Amino acid sequence: MRCERHDDRGWCGFATRPIDFRGGHDGLATEVQEMLRLDPFLGAAFVFRSNRGQRLRTA
């Protein structure tokens, strides 16, 4: 996952590898904690893509 800071408005993270969506939002929050060592509830936007690359999900 790549994470970028945009001015003073906050962070935006983009998944650079497919993520399994079956874990729901809790699973995506865990991915943020493990990959980026960030608090997923800090007000940042994170964008994930599905295993087949056909869907996006934000958290």
Protein backbone atom coordinates (compact mmCIF):
# COMPACT_ATOMS: atom_id res chain seq x y z
CA MET A 1 0.00 0.00 0.00
CA ARG A 2 1.20 3.48 -0.78
CA CYS A 3 0.21 6.41 1.37
CA GLU A 4 0.54 10.09 0.44
CA ARG A 5 -0.02 13.30 2.36
CA HIS A 6 -2.07 15.94 0.52
CA ASP A 7 -1.44 19.42 1.92
CA ASP A 8 -2.95 19.92 5.36
CA ARG A 9 -6.11 18.04 4.44
CA GLY A 10 -4.83 14.61 5.42
CA TRP A 11 -3.67 11.29 4.10
CA CYS A 12 -4.83 9.15 1.21
CA GLY A 13 -3.74 5.52 0.90
CA PHE A 14 -3.89 3.41 -2.28
CA ALA A 15 -3.59 -0.37 -2.30
CA THR A 16 -0.84 -1.44 -4.68
CA ARG A 17 -1.77 -5.11 -4.47
CA PRO A 18 -5.16 -6.85 -4.51
CA ILE A 19 -7.02 -7.19 -1.22
CA ASP A 20 -9.54 -9.88 -0.28
CA PHE A 21 -12.81 -8.04 0.42
CA ARG A 22 -14.41 -10.95 2.29
CA GLY A 23 -13.10 -9.59 5.61
CA GLY A 24 -15.31 -6.52 5.31
CA HIS A 25 -14.33 -3.15 6.74
CA ASP A 26 -12.71 -4.76 9.77
CA GLY A 27 -10.39 -6.72 7.49
CA LEU A 28 -9.50 -3.57 5.54
CA ALA A 29 -8.77 -1.72 8.80
CA THR A 30 -6.45 -4.56 9.81
CA GLU A 31 -4.64 -4.28 6.47
CA VAL A 32 -4.02 -0.57 7.11
CA GLN A 33 -2.69 -1.31 10.59
CA GLU A 34 -0.38 -4.10 9.43
CA MET A 35 0.91 -2.65 6.15
CA LEU A 36 1.22 1.02 7.04
CA ARG A 37 1.41 0.94 10.84
CA LEU A 38 -1.26 3.67 10.87
CA ASP A 39 -4.49 4.08 12.77
CA PRO A 40 -7.26 3.40 10.20
CA PHE A 41 -9.56 5.76 12.12
CA LEU A 42 -7.33 8.86 11.95
CA GLY A 43 -9.52 10.48 9.32
CA ALA A 44 -7.55 9.38 6.27
CA ALA A 45 -9.03 7.89 3.09
CA PHE A 46 -7.84 4.45 1.96
CA VAL A 47 -8.67 2.91 -1.43
CA PHE A 48 -8.47 -0.85 -2.00
CA ARG A 49 -8.90 -2.93 -5.15
CA SER A 50 -10.39 -6.41 -5.38
CA ASN A 51 -8.48 -9.57 -6.23
CA ARG A 52 -9.58 -9.42 -9.86
CA GLY A 53 -9.11 -5.65 -10.07
CA GLN A 54 -12.74 -5.10 -11.04
CA ARG A 55 -13.93 -3.30 -7.89
CA LEU A 56 -12.72 -0.55 -5.56
CA ARG A 57 -13.64 -0.05 -1.93
CA THR A 58 -12.90 2.93 0.27
CA ALA A 59 -12.46 2.95 4.01
